[in-house]
């Protein structure tokens, strides 16, 4: 168990995927450009490429952890992490039930 104070440090936000593309040299990693509302656009590298085609992701709303330190994956900068469940056939993106503005805080 973690204390509530630790959990409250995690900043979960809704983002809209602007575009997605495969990263050369990987069949798993996709580079996503996402809109975080007033905070602007960010790039996220996600290991969902075996389950999701980049062409189907544009305009999809997803949930990310927005306050992670930047990481470099295969030479690409990732400025957050998307949330996905472990499904039977691979990752399943977590999405808002209804249309939600980019940057909306999850509480």
N, C-alpha and C. Protein backbone atom coordinates (compact mmCIF):
# COMPACT_ATOMS: atom_id res chain seq x y z
N UNK A 1 0.85 -1.18 0.00
CA UNK A 1 0.00 0.00 0.00
C UNK A 1 0.89 1.24 0.00
N UNK A 2 0.44 2.27 -0.71
CA UNK A 2 1.17 3.54 -0.69
C UNK A 2 0.31 4.57 0.02
N UNK A 3 0.95 5.52 0.65
CA UNK A 3 0.17 6.56 1.32
C UNK A 3 -0.54 7.45 0.29
N UNK A 4 -1.67 8.01 0.68
CA UNK A 4 -2.44 8.89 -0.20
C UNK A 4 -1.57 10.03 -0.72
N UNK A 5 -0.67 10.54 0.10
CA UNK A 5 0.20 11.65 -0.29
C UNK A 5 1.03 11.28 -1.51
N UNK A 6 1.51 10.02 -1.56
CA UNK A 6 2.27 9.57 -2.73
C UNK A 6 1.39 9.51 -3.97
N UNK A 7 0.18 8.96 -3.84
CA UNK A 7 -0.73 8.87 -4.97
C UNK A 7 -1.10 10.26 -5.48
N UNK A 8 -1.28 11.20 -4.58
CA UNK A 8 -1.71 12.55 -4.99
C UNK A 8 -0.65 13.29 -5.80
N UNK A 9 0.57 12.78 -5.83
CA UNK A 9 1.63 13.38 -6.64
C UNK A 9 1.49 13.05 -8.12
N UNK A 10 0.72 12.03 -8.44
CA UNK A 10 0.55 11.61 -9.83
C UNK A 10 -0.47 12.52 -10.51
N UNK A 11 -0.08 13.12 -11.63
CA UNK A 11 -0.94 14.04 -12.37
C UNK A 11 -1.49 13.33 -13.60
N UNK A 12 -2.72 12.85 -13.50
CA UNK A 12 -3.38 12.15 -14.60
C UNK A 12 -4.21 13.16 -15.39
N UNK A 13 -4.07 13.14 -16.72
CA UNK A 13 -4.77 14.10 -17.59
C UNK A 13 -5.34 13.40 -18.80
N UNK A 14 -6.40 13.99 -19.34
CA UNK A 14 -6.95 13.57 -20.63
C UNK A 14 -6.18 14.31 -21.70
N UNK A 15 -5.80 13.59 -22.76
CA UNK A 15 -5.16 14.22 -23.92
C UNK A 15 -5.86 13.72 -25.18
N UNK A 16 -5.73 14.49 -26.25
CA UNK A 16 -6.22 14.06 -27.56
C UNK A 16 -5.02 13.76 -28.43
N UNK A 17 -5.02 12.59 -29.04
CA UNK A 17 -3.92 12.21 -29.94
C UNK A 17 -4.08 12.99 -31.24
N UNK A 18 -3.05 13.74 -31.59
CA UNK A 18 -3.05 14.51 -32.84
C UNK A 18 -2.61 13.63 -34.00
N UNK A 19 -1.54 12.88 -33.80
CA UNK A 19 -1.09 11.92 -34.80
C UNK A 19 -0.20 10.88 -34.14
N UNK A 20 0.01 9.80 -34.87
CA UNK A 20 0.83 8.69 -34.37
C UNK A 20 1.61 8.11 -35.54
N UNK A 21 2.81 7.63 -35.24
CA UNK A 21 3.62 6.97 -36.27
C UNK A 21 4.51 5.93 -35.62
N UNK A 22 4.89 4.96 -36.43
CA UNK A 22 5.79 3.91 -35.95
C UNK A 22 7.20 4.47 -35.81
N UNK A 23 7.95 3.91 -34.88
CA UNK A 23 9.35 4.26 -34.71
C UNK A 23 10.17 3.20 -35.43
N UNK A 24 11.02 3.64 -36.36
CA UNK A 24 11.80 2.67 -37.11
C UNK A 24 12.72 1.90 -36.17
N UNK A 25 12.82 0.62 -36.44
CA UNK A 25 13.63 -0.24 -35.60
C UNK A 25 12.84 -0.92 -34.49
N UNK A 26 11.52 -0.65 -34.43
CA UNK A 26 10.70 -1.27 -33.40
C UNK A 26 9.33 -1.62 -33.97
N UNK A 27 8.86 -2.82 -33.68
CA UNK A 27 7.50 -3.18 -34.09
C UNK A 27 6.51 -2.89 -32.97
N UNK A 28 7.02 -2.47 -31.83
CA UNK A 28 6.18 -2.25 -30.65
C UNK A 28 5.95 -0.77 -30.36
N UNK A 29 6.96 0.07 -30.58
CA UNK A 29 6.87 1.47 -30.15
C UNK A 29 6.21 2.38 -31.19
N UNK A 30 5.31 3.24 -30.69
CA UNK A 30 4.69 4.28 -31.50
C UNK A 30 5.03 5.63 -30.90
N UNK A 31 5.21 6.62 -31.78
CA UNK A 31 5.43 8.00 -31.35
C UNK A 31 4.11 8.73 -31.51
N UNK A 32 3.58 9.23 -30.39
CA UNK A 32 2.30 9.94 -30.37
C UNK A 32 2.54 11.42 -30.12
N UNK A 33 1.90 12.28 -30.91
CA UNK A 33 1.85 13.70 -30.63
C UNK A 33 0.48 13.93 -30.01
N UNK A 34 0.45 14.47 -28.79
CA UNK A 34 -0.82 14.64 -28.08
C UNK A 34 -1.03 16.09 -27.69
N UNK A 35 -2.31 16.47 -27.57
CA UNK A 35 -2.66 17.82 -27.13
C UNK A 35 -3.09 17.75 -25.68
N UNK A 36 -2.45 18.59 -24.86
CA UNK A 36 -2.70 18.63 -23.43
C UNK A 36 -3.44 19.92 -23.05
N UNK A 37 -4.21 20.47 -23.96
CA UNK A 37 -4.97 21.68 -23.69
C UNK A 37 -4.06 22.88 -23.53
N UNK A 38 -4.27 23.65 -22.47
CA UNK A 38 -3.50 24.87 -22.23
C UNK A 38 -2.01 24.63 -22.09
N UNK A 39 -1.63 23.41 -21.73
CA UNK A 39 -0.20 23.09 -21.58
C UNK A 39 0.47 22.77 -22.91
N UNK A 40 -0.29 22.80 -24.00
CA UNK A 40 0.28 22.61 -25.32
C UNK A 40 0.38 21.15 -25.73
N UNK A 41 1.26 20.90 -26.69
CA UNK A 41 1.43 19.56 -27.24
C UNK A 41 2.65 18.89 -26.64
N UNK A 42 2.59 17.56 -26.62
CA UNK A 42 3.70 16.75 -26.12
C UNK A 42 3.88 15.53 -26.99
N UNK A 43 5.02 14.92 -26.82
CA UNK A 43 5.32 13.66 -27.50
C UNK A 43 5.40 12.55 -26.47
N UNK A 44 4.73 11.45 -26.76
CA UNK A 44 4.77 10.28 -25.88
C UNK A 44 5.16 9.07 -26.73
N UNK A 45 6.08 8.28 -26.22
CA UNK A 45 6.47 7.04 -26.86
C UNK A 45 5.78 5.92 -26.10
N UNK A 46 5.04 5.07 -26.83
CA UNK A 46 4.24 4.04 -26.16
C UNK A 46 4.43 2.69 -26.84
N UNK A 47 4.48 1.65 -26.05
CA UNK A 47 4.65 0.29 -26.55
C UNK A 47 3.34 -0.38 -26.90
N UNK A 48 2.58 0.24 -27.79
CA UNK A 48 1.26 -0.29 -28.16
C UNK A 48 1.18 -0.67 -29.63
N UNK A 49 2.30 -0.63 -30.34
CA UNK A 49 2.32 -0.81 -31.79
C UNK A 49 1.95 -2.19 -32.29
N UNK A 50 2.01 -3.21 -31.45
CA UNK A 50 1.61 -4.54 -31.90
C UNK A 50 0.10 -4.70 -31.89
N UNK A 51 -0.59 -3.82 -31.16
CA UNK A 51 -2.04 -3.93 -31.02
C UNK A 51 -2.78 -2.81 -31.76
N UNK A 52 -2.17 -1.62 -31.81
CA UNK A 52 -2.83 -0.45 -32.41
C UNK A 52 -2.08 0.00 -33.66
N UNK A 53 -2.82 0.27 -34.72
CA UNK A 53 -2.27 0.86 -35.93
C UNK A 53 -2.26 2.37 -35.75
N UNK A 54 -1.17 3.03 -36.10
CA UNK A 54 -1.08 4.49 -35.91
C UNK A 54 -2.24 5.24 -36.58
N UNK A 55 -2.68 4.77 -37.74
CA UNK A 55 -3.74 5.46 -38.48
C UNK A 55 -5.05 5.52 -37.72
N UNK A 56 -5.28 4.60 -36.80
CA UNK A 56 -6.56 4.55 -36.08
C UNK A 56 -6.56 5.39 -34.81
N UNK A 57 -5.42 5.97 -34.45
CA UNK A 57 -5.31 6.67 -33.17
C UNK A 57 -5.59 8.17 -33.23
N UNK A 58 -5.51 8.79 -34.40
CA UNK A 58 -5.72 10.24 -34.50
C UNK A 58 -7.10 10.60 -33.97
N UNK A 59 -7.15 11.66 -33.16
CA UNK A 59 -8.36 12.22 -32.55
C UNK A 59 -8.92 11.39 -31.40
N UNK A 60 -8.25 10.32 -31.03
CA UNK A 60 -8.69 9.51 -29.89
C UNK A 60 -8.27 10.19 -28.59
N UNK A 61 -9.15 10.19 -27.61
CA UNK A 61 -8.82 10.71 -26.29
C UNK A 61 -8.33 9.57 -25.42
N UNK A 62 -7.22 9.82 -24.72
CA UNK A 62 -6.66 8.82 -23.81
C UNK A 62 -6.27 9.51 -22.51
N UNK A 63 -5.83 8.72 -21.55
CA UNK A 63 -5.39 9.24 -20.25
C UNK A 63 -3.90 9.02 -20.12
N UNK A 64 -3.20 10.05 -19.65
CA UNK A 64 -1.75 9.93 -19.46
C UNK A 64 -1.35 10.36 -18.06
N UNK A 65 -0.17 9.91 -17.65
CA UNK A 65 0.52 10.47 -16.49
C UNK A 65 1.37 11.59 -17.06
N UNK A 66 1.04 12.83 -16.67
CA UNK A 66 1.68 13.98 -17.33
C UNK A 66 2.89 14.53 -16.60
N UNK A 67 3.15 14.08 -15.39
CA UNK A 67 4.26 14.67 -14.64
C UNK A 67 5.43 13.70 -14.41
N UNK A 68 5.63 12.79 -15.34
CA UNK A 68 6.81 11.91 -15.26
C UNK A 68 8.02 12.62 -15.84
N UNK A 69 9.18 12.26 -15.37
CA UNK A 69 10.41 12.77 -15.96
C UNK A 69 10.50 12.29 -17.40
N UNK A 70 11.08 13.11 -18.25
CA UNK A 70 11.28 12.75 -19.65
C UNK A 70 12.21 11.55 -19.75
N UNK A 71 11.89 10.64 -20.68
CA UNK A 71 12.74 9.48 -20.94
C UNK A 71 13.06 9.43 -22.42
N UNK A 72 14.19 8.86 -22.75
CA UNK A 72 14.58 8.67 -24.14
C UNK A 72 14.44 7.18 -24.46
N UNK A 73 13.64 6.86 -25.49
CA UNK A 73 13.42 5.50 -25.93
C UNK A 73 13.76 5.41 -27.42
N UNK A 74 14.73 4.59 -27.76
CA UNK A 74 15.21 4.47 -29.15
C UNK A 74 15.50 5.83 -29.76
N UNK A 75 16.09 6.71 -28.97
CA UNK A 75 16.48 8.03 -29.45
C UNK A 75 15.36 9.05 -29.51
N UNK A 76 14.16 8.68 -29.07
CA UNK A 76 13.01 9.59 -29.09
C UNK A 76 12.64 9.98 -27.67
N UNK A 77 12.28 11.25 -27.49
CA UNK A 77 11.92 11.77 -26.18
C UNK A 77 10.45 11.46 -25.88
N UNK A 78 10.20 10.92 -24.68
CA UNK A 78 8.85 10.65 -24.23
C UNK A 78 8.56 11.54 -23.03
N UNK A 79 7.50 12.33 -23.14
CA UNK A 79 7.15 13.32 -22.12
C UNK A 79 5.88 12.95 -21.37
N UNK A 80 5.77 11.70 -20.98
CA UNK A 80 4.61 11.22 -20.26
C UNK A 80 4.42 9.74 -20.53
N UNK A 81 3.37 9.17 -19.96
CA UNK A 81 3.07 7.75 -20.14
C UNK A 81 1.57 7.58 -20.25
N UNK A 82 1.14 6.86 -21.28
CA UNK A 82 -0.30 6.61 -21.39
C UNK A 82 -0.69 5.49 -20.45
N UNK A 83 -1.97 5.44 -20.11
CA UNK A 83 -2.48 4.37 -19.26
C UNK A 83 -3.17 3.33 -20.13
N UNK A 84 -2.84 2.08 -19.88
CA UNK A 84 -3.43 0.97 -20.60
C UNK A 84 -3.57 -0.21 -19.65
N UNK A 85 -4.61 -0.98 -19.85
CA UNK A 85 -4.80 -2.21 -19.09
C UNK A 85 -4.11 -3.34 -19.83
N UNK A 86 -3.78 -4.40 -19.11
CA UNK A 86 -3.20 -5.58 -19.72
C UNK A 86 -4.34 -6.47 -20.20
N UNK A 87 -4.58 -6.46 -21.49
CA UNK A 87 -5.65 -7.26 -22.06
C UNK A 87 -5.16 -8.61 -22.52
N UNK A 88 -6.08 -9.47 -22.88
CA UNK A 88 -5.76 -10.82 -23.33
C UNK A 88 -4.85 -10.80 -24.55
N UNK A 89 -5.05 -9.81 -25.44
CA UNK A 89 -4.27 -9.73 -26.68
C UNK A 89 -3.27 -8.59 -26.67
N UNK A 90 -2.98 -8.03 -25.51
CA UNK A 90 -2.03 -6.92 -25.41
C UNK A 90 -2.67 -5.73 -24.72
N UNK A 91 -2.01 -4.57 -24.79
CA UNK A 91 -2.50 -3.40 -24.07
C UNK A 91 -3.85 -2.90 -24.60
N UNK A 92 -4.67 -2.41 -23.66
CA UNK A 92 -5.97 -1.83 -23.99
C UNK A 92 -5.96 -0.41 -23.44
N UNK A 93 -6.07 0.58 -24.33
CA UNK A 93 -6.02 1.98 -23.90
C UNK A 93 -7.19 2.34 -23.00
N UNK A 94 -6.91 3.12 -21.97
CA UNK A 94 -7.97 3.65 -21.11
C UNK A 94 -8.42 4.97 -21.69
N UNK A 95 -9.73 5.11 -21.89
CA UNK A 95 -10.28 6.29 -22.54
C UNK A 95 -11.44 6.84 -21.72
N UNK A 96 -11.68 8.16 -21.80
CA UNK A 96 -12.84 8.72 -21.10
C UNK A 96 -14.14 8.18 -21.69
N UNK A 97 -15.16 8.06 -20.87
CA UNK A 97 -16.46 7.57 -21.32
C UNK A 97 -17.14 8.55 -22.27
N UNK A 98 -16.98 9.86 -22.00
CA UNK A 98 -17.57 10.89 -22.83
C UNK A 98 -16.48 11.83 -23.31
N UNK A 99 -16.77 12.62 -24.37
CA UNK A 99 -15.80 13.58 -24.85
C UNK A 99 -15.42 14.53 -23.71
N UNK A 100 -14.11 14.71 -23.57
CA UNK A 100 -13.57 15.50 -22.46
C UNK A 100 -12.52 16.43 -23.02
N UNK A 101 -12.47 17.68 -22.55
CA UNK A 101 -11.48 18.61 -23.10
C UNK A 101 -10.05 18.17 -22.80
N UNK A 102 -9.13 18.35 -23.78
CA UNK A 102 -7.73 18.03 -23.53
C UNK A 102 -7.20 18.81 -22.33
N UNK A 103 -6.44 18.12 -21.51
CA UNK A 103 -5.86 18.73 -20.32
C UNK A 103 -6.70 18.55 -19.07
N UNK A 104 -7.91 18.02 -19.21
CA UNK A 104 -8.77 17.82 -18.03
C UNK A 104 -8.06 16.92 -17.03
N UNK A 105 -8.07 17.34 -15.78
CA UNK A 105 -7.41 16.60 -14.71
C UNK A 105 -8.29 15.46 -14.25
N UNK A 106 -7.69 14.30 -14.04
CA UNK A 106 -8.38 13.13 -13.52
C UNK A 106 -8.24 13.17 -12.00
N UNK A 107 -9.37 13.03 -11.33
CA UNK A 107 -9.33 13.03 -9.85
C UNK A 107 -10.14 11.90 -9.28
